[in-house]
Amino acid sequence: MFVEEHGFTVTSAKGLGYESVPETGVGQDVLHKLGVEAYAASNKADALIVSCGGLKTLELIVPLEKQIGVPVVSSTPHGLMNAVRLVGVSPRSRGFGMVFEKA
């Protein structure tokens, strides 16, 4: 697994079972529930990763962090955050979760 190859320990993994994101998308309630379940199964992981570039996750981060109490990292918003950093601009931003506030 990619994250393990980069020194992280995966303590839980859950998926939606899709081969592609449905045209109607995936509701925030479904993603939130999945995140809570994955974290609960993790035995108190240090963070939660939501990985799928096709999911709308920016609005998911803060409510999920409030419920589980750890940073939530999502591939698209946090990938773009690092792209901003590469061009020399601070990606620090309030209101989008723990990682953005400390960037």
N, C-alpha and C. Protein backbone atom coordinates (compact mmCIF):
# COMPACT_ATOMS: atom_id res chain seq x y z
N MET A 1 0.84 -1.17 0.00
CA MET A 1 0.00 0.00 0.00
C MET A 1 0.90 1.25 0.00
N PHE A 2 0.53 2.24 -0.76
CA PHE A 2 1.33 3.45 -0.95
C PHE A 2 1.72 4.12 0.36
N VAL A 3 0.79 4.31 1.26
CA VAL A 3 1.12 5.02 2.50
C VAL A 3 2.08 4.22 3.37
N GLU A 4 1.96 2.91 3.37
CA GLU A 4 2.91 2.08 4.12
C GLU A 4 4.31 2.15 3.52
N GLU A 5 4.40 2.24 2.22
CA GLU A 5 5.69 2.36 1.55
C GLU A 5 6.39 3.66 1.92
N HIS A 6 5.64 4.62 2.45
CA HIS A 6 6.20 5.91 2.84
C HIS A 6 6.26 6.08 4.36
N GLY A 7 6.26 4.96 5.08
CA GLY A 7 6.52 4.98 6.51
C GLY A 7 5.34 5.09 7.44
N PHE A 8 4.13 5.02 6.92
CA PHE A 8 2.95 5.10 7.77
C PHE A 8 2.42 3.70 8.07
N THR A 9 1.81 3.55 9.23
CA THR A 9 1.18 2.29 9.59
C THR A 9 -0.33 2.42 9.39
N VAL A 10 -0.89 1.54 8.60
CA VAL A 10 -2.33 1.54 8.36
C VAL A 10 -2.97 0.61 9.39
N THR A 11 -3.86 1.16 10.20
CA THR A 11 -4.50 0.35 11.24
C THR A 11 -5.93 -0.04 10.90
N SER A 12 -6.48 0.56 9.85
CA SER A 12 -7.83 0.24 9.40
C SER A 12 -7.99 0.76 7.98
N ALA A 13 -8.78 0.07 7.19
CA ALA A 13 -9.09 0.54 5.84
C ALA A 13 -10.51 0.12 5.49
N LYS A 14 -11.25 1.05 4.94
CA LYS A 14 -12.62 0.77 4.51
C LYS A 14 -12.81 1.43 3.16
N GLY A 15 -13.68 0.88 2.35
CA GLY A 15 -13.95 1.45 1.04
C GLY A 15 -15.43 1.41 0.72
N LEU A 16 -15.76 2.08 -0.35
CA LEU A 16 -17.15 2.13 -0.81
C LEU A 16 -17.50 0.97 -1.73
N GLY A 17 -16.49 0.30 -2.27
CA GLY A 17 -16.73 -0.82 -3.17
C GLY A 17 -17.02 -0.42 -4.60
N TYR A 18 -16.76 0.84 -4.95
CA TYR A 18 -16.98 1.32 -6.32
C TYR A 18 -15.72 1.17 -7.15
N GLU A 19 -15.91 0.87 -8.43
CA GLU A 19 -14.79 0.91 -9.36
C GLU A 19 -14.61 2.30 -9.94
N SER A 20 -15.69 3.08 -9.92
CA SER A 20 -15.65 4.49 -10.31
C SER A 20 -16.74 5.21 -9.52
N VAL A 21 -16.56 6.51 -9.35
CA VAL A 21 -17.55 7.29 -8.62
C VAL A 21 -18.81 7.39 -9.46
N PRO A 22 -19.97 7.10 -8.87
CA PRO A 22 -21.22 7.21 -9.63
C PRO A 22 -21.43 8.65 -10.14
N GLU A 23 -22.13 8.77 -11.26
CA GLU A 23 -22.40 10.09 -11.84
C GLU A 23 -23.10 11.00 -10.85
N THR A 24 -23.90 10.44 -9.98
CA THR A 24 -24.62 11.24 -8.99
C THR A 24 -23.73 11.63 -7.82
N GLY A 25 -22.51 11.12 -7.79
CA GLY A 25 -21.59 11.41 -6.70
C GLY A 25 -21.87 10.54 -5.50
N VAL A 26 -21.19 10.84 -4.42
CA VAL A 26 -21.38 10.11 -3.16
C VAL A 26 -21.71 11.17 -2.11
N GLY A 27 -22.81 10.97 -1.41
CA GLY A 27 -23.26 11.95 -0.42
C GLY A 27 -22.31 12.13 0.74
N GLN A 28 -22.31 13.34 1.29
CA GLN A 28 -21.47 13.66 2.43
C GLN A 28 -21.81 12.78 3.63
N ASP A 29 -23.09 12.43 3.78
CA ASP A 29 -23.49 11.57 4.90
C ASP A 29 -22.85 10.19 4.79
N VAL A 30 -22.76 9.67 3.57
CA VAL A 30 -22.14 8.36 3.34
C VAL A 30 -20.65 8.43 3.65
N LEU A 31 -19.98 9.46 3.17
CA LEU A 31 -18.55 9.62 3.41
C LEU A 31 -18.25 9.85 4.89
N HIS A 32 -19.08 10.63 5.55
CA HIS A 32 -18.89 10.90 6.98
C HIS A 32 -19.01 9.61 7.77
N LYS A 33 -20.06 8.84 7.50
CA LYS A 33 -20.27 7.57 8.19
C LYS A 33 -19.10 6.61 7.96
N LEU A 34 -18.63 6.54 6.73
CA LEU A 34 -17.51 5.67 6.41
C LEU A 34 -16.25 6.11 7.17
N GLY A 35 -16.02 7.41 7.23
CA GLY A 35 -14.87 7.93 7.96
C GLY A 35 -14.93 7.61 9.44
N VAL A 36 -16.10 7.79 10.04
CA VAL A 36 -16.28 7.48 11.46
C VAL A 36 -16.05 5.99 11.70
N GLU A 37 -16.59 5.15 10.83
CA GLU A 37 -16.41 3.70 10.98
C GLU A 37 -14.95 3.29 10.82
N ALA A 38 -14.27 3.86 9.85
CA ALA A 38 -12.86 3.54 9.63
C ALA A 38 -12.02 3.96 10.83
N TYR A 39 -12.31 5.16 11.35
CA TYR A 39 -11.55 5.61 12.52
C TYR A 39 -11.84 4.72 13.73
N ALA A 40 -13.09 4.38 13.95
CA ALA A 40 -13.46 3.53 15.09
C ALA A 40 -12.75 2.18 15.03
N ALA A 41 -12.57 1.66 13.83
CA ALA A 41 -11.90 0.36 13.65
C ALA A 41 -10.38 0.47 13.76
N SER A 42 -9.86 1.69 13.81
CA SER A 42 -8.41 1.90 13.76
C SER A 42 -7.69 1.81 15.09
N ASN A 43 -8.43 1.71 16.18
CA ASN A 43 -7.81 1.72 17.50
C ASN A 43 -7.08 3.04 17.75
N LYS A 44 -7.80 4.16 17.49
CA LYS A 44 -7.32 5.52 17.76
C LYS A 44 -6.09 5.91 16.94
N ALA A 45 -6.23 5.86 15.64
CA ALA A 45 -5.15 6.29 14.74
C ALA A 45 -4.86 7.77 14.94
N ASP A 46 -3.68 8.20 14.50
CA ASP A 46 -3.27 9.60 14.62
C ASP A 46 -3.95 10.50 13.60
N ALA A 47 -4.45 9.93 12.51
CA ALA A 47 -5.10 10.70 11.44
C ALA A 47 -5.95 9.77 10.61
N LEU A 48 -6.80 10.37 9.79
CA LEU A 48 -7.65 9.61 8.86
C LEU A 48 -7.38 10.12 7.45
N ILE A 49 -7.17 9.22 6.52
CA ILE A 49 -6.96 9.59 5.13
C ILE A 49 -8.20 9.21 4.32
N VAL A 50 -8.70 10.15 3.54
CA VAL A 50 -9.79 9.90 2.60
C VAL A 50 -9.16 10.01 1.22
N SER A 51 -9.05 8.90 0.53
CA SER A 51 -8.31 8.91 -0.72
C SER A 51 -9.18 8.53 -1.91
N CYS A 52 -9.51 9.51 -2.69
CA CYS A 52 -10.17 9.31 -3.98
C CYS A 52 -10.35 10.68 -4.60
N GLY A 53 -9.66 10.92 -5.67
CA GLY A 53 -9.73 12.22 -6.33
C GLY A 53 -11.10 12.55 -6.89
N GLY A 54 -11.98 11.56 -7.01
CA GLY A 54 -13.29 11.80 -7.57
C GLY A 54 -14.36 12.14 -6.55
N LEU A 55 -13.99 12.13 -5.28
CA LEU A 55 -14.97 12.43 -4.24
C LEU A 55 -14.91 13.90 -3.84
N LYS A 56 -16.05 14.46 -3.55
CA LYS A 56 -16.13 15.84 -3.06
C LYS A 56 -15.94 15.77 -1.55
N THR A 57 -14.78 16.20 -1.06
CA THR A 57 -14.45 15.98 0.35
C THR A 57 -14.13 17.24 1.14
N LEU A 58 -14.01 18.38 0.52
CA LEU A 58 -13.61 19.58 1.24
C LEU A 58 -14.58 19.89 2.38
N GLU A 59 -15.87 19.76 2.14
CA GLU A 59 -16.87 20.04 3.18
C GLU A 59 -16.95 18.93 4.23
N LEU A 60 -16.34 17.81 3.98
CA LEU A 60 -16.35 16.67 4.89
C LEU A 60 -15.32 16.81 6.00
N ILE A 61 -14.22 17.48 5.73
CA ILE A 61 -13.05 17.48 6.61
C ILE A 61 -13.38 18.00 8.01
N VAL A 62 -13.89 19.21 8.13
CA VAL A 62 -14.10 19.82 9.45
C VAL A 62 -15.13 19.04 10.28
N PRO A 63 -16.31 18.71 9.77
CA PRO A 63 -17.25 17.94 10.60
C PRO A 63 -16.70 16.59 11.05
N LEU A 64 -15.95 15.94 10.18
CA LEU A 64 -15.38 14.65 10.53
C LEU A 64 -14.29 14.81 11.60
N GLU A 65 -13.45 15.83 11.45
CA GLU A 65 -12.43 16.09 12.48
C GLU A 65 -13.08 16.39 13.83
N LYS A 66 -14.16 17.15 13.83
CA LYS A 66 -14.85 17.47 15.09
C LYS A 66 -15.37 16.21 15.76
N GLN A 67 -15.82 15.25 14.96
CA GLN A 67 -16.38 14.03 15.56
C GLN A 67 -15.29 13.07 16.03
N ILE A 68 -14.23 12.90 15.24
CA ILE A 68 -13.22 11.88 15.61
C ILE A 68 -12.03 12.46 16.36
N GLY A 69 -11.81 13.77 16.26
CA GLY A 69 -10.77 14.42 17.05
C GLY A 69 -9.35 14.32 16.53
N VAL A 70 -9.18 13.89 15.29
CA VAL A 70 -7.85 13.82 14.68
C VAL A 70 -7.90 14.46 13.30
N PRO A 71 -6.73 14.82 12.75
CA PRO A 71 -6.72 15.41 11.40
C PRO A 71 -7.27 14.45 10.34
N VAL A 72 -8.00 15.02 9.40
CA VAL A 72 -8.50 14.28 8.25
C VAL A 72 -7.78 14.83 7.03
N VAL A 73 -7.11 13.95 6.31
CA VAL A 73 -6.37 14.32 5.09
C VAL A 73 -7.10 13.72 3.91
N SER A 74 -7.40 14.56 2.94
CA SER A 74 -8.11 14.09 1.76
C SER A 74 -7.27 14.37 0.52
N SER A 75 -7.21 13.42 -0.37
CA SER A 75 -6.27 13.48 -1.49
C SER A 75 -6.39 14.75 -2.34
N THR A 76 -7.57 15.14 -2.74
CA THR A 76 -7.68 16.30 -3.63
C THR A 76 -7.38 17.62 -2.93
N PRO A 77 -8.08 17.97 -1.84
CA PRO A 77 -7.77 19.27 -1.22
C PRO A 77 -6.33 19.37 -0.72
N HIS A 78 -5.82 18.31 -0.14
CA HIS A 78 -4.47 18.39 0.41
C HIS A 78 -3.40 18.27 -0.68
N GLY A 79 -3.72 17.59 -1.76
CA GLY A 79 -2.80 17.60 -2.91
C GLY A 79 -2.70 18.99 -3.50
N LEU A 80 -3.83 19.66 -3.64
CA LEU A 80 -3.82 21.04 -4.15
C LEU A 80 -3.13 21.98 -3.17
N MET A 81 -3.28 21.73 -1.87
CA MET A 81 -2.59 22.53 -0.86
C MET A 81 -1.08 22.47 -1.08
N ASN A 82 -0.58 21.29 -1.34
CA ASN A 82 0.86 21.13 -1.56
C ASN A 82 1.30 21.71 -2.89
N ALA A 83 0.43 21.71 -3.89
CA ALA A 83 0.76 22.35 -5.17
C ALA A 83 0.92 23.85 -4.97
N VAL A 84 0.06 24.44 -4.15
CA VAL A 84 0.16 25.87 -3.83
C VAL A 84 1.49 26.14 -3.14
N ARG A 85 1.88 25.28 -2.23
CA ARG A 85 3.15 25.42 -1.52
C ARG A 85 4.33 25.37 -2.51
N LEU A 86 4.23 24.50 -3.51
CA LEU A 86 5.31 24.36 -4.50
C LEU A 86 5.55 25.64 -5.30
N VAL A 87 4.53 26.44 -5.48
CA VAL A 87 4.71 27.69 -6.23
C VAL A 87 5.06 28.85 -5.31
N GLY A 88 5.33 28.54 -4.04
CA GLY A 88 5.83 29.54 -3.12
C GLY A 88 4.78 30.34 -2.37
N VAL A 89 3.56 29.87 -2.36
CA VAL A 89 2.48 30.56 -1.65
C VAL A 89 2.10 29.74 -0.42
N SER A 90 1.88 30.41 0.69
CA SER A 90 1.46 29.70 1.90
C SER A 90 0.04 29.16 1.71
N PRO A 91 -0.16 27.88 1.94
CA PRO A 91 -1.50 27.30 1.82
C PRO A 91 -2.31 27.40 3.11
N ARG A 92 -1.74 28.01 4.15
CA ARG A 92 -2.42 28.10 5.44
C ARG A 92 -3.77 28.79 5.27
N SER A 93 -4.79 28.16 5.84
CA SER A 93 -6.14 28.69 5.70
C SER A 93 -7.00 28.20 6.85
N ARG A 94 -7.80 29.08 7.39
CA ARG A 94 -8.71 28.71 8.47
C ARG A 94 -10.04 28.22 7.90
N GLY A 95 -10.66 27.31 8.63
CA GLY A 95 -11.99 26.85 8.26
C GLY A 95 -12.03 25.62 7.39
N PHE A 96 -10.85 25.05 7.10
CA PHE A 96 -10.80 23.86 6.25
C PHE A 96 -10.13 22.67 6.93
N GLY A 97 -9.97 22.74 8.23
CA GLY A 97 -9.44 21.61 8.97
C GLY A 97 -8.08 21.86 9.57
N MET A 98 -7.68 20.90 10.40
CA MET A 98 -6.44 21.00 11.18
C MET A 98 -5.19 21.15 10.33
N VAL A 99 -5.10 20.41 9.26
CA VAL A 99 -3.90 20.44 8.42
C VAL A 99 -3.76 21.80 7.73
N PHE A 100 -4.84 22.32 7.19
CA PHE A 100 -4.79 23.63 6.53
C PHE A 100 -4.44 24.75 7.53
N GLU A 101 -4.90 24.63 8.76
CA GLU A 101 -4.63 25.68 9.75
C GLU A 101 -3.18 25.70 10.19
N LYS A 102 -2.47 24.57 10.05
CA LYS A 102 -1.07 24.50 10.48
C LYS A 102 -0.11 24.48 9.30
N ALA A 103 -0.61 24.54 8.09
CA ALA A 103 0.23 24.42 6.89
C ALA A 103 1.28 25.52 6.83
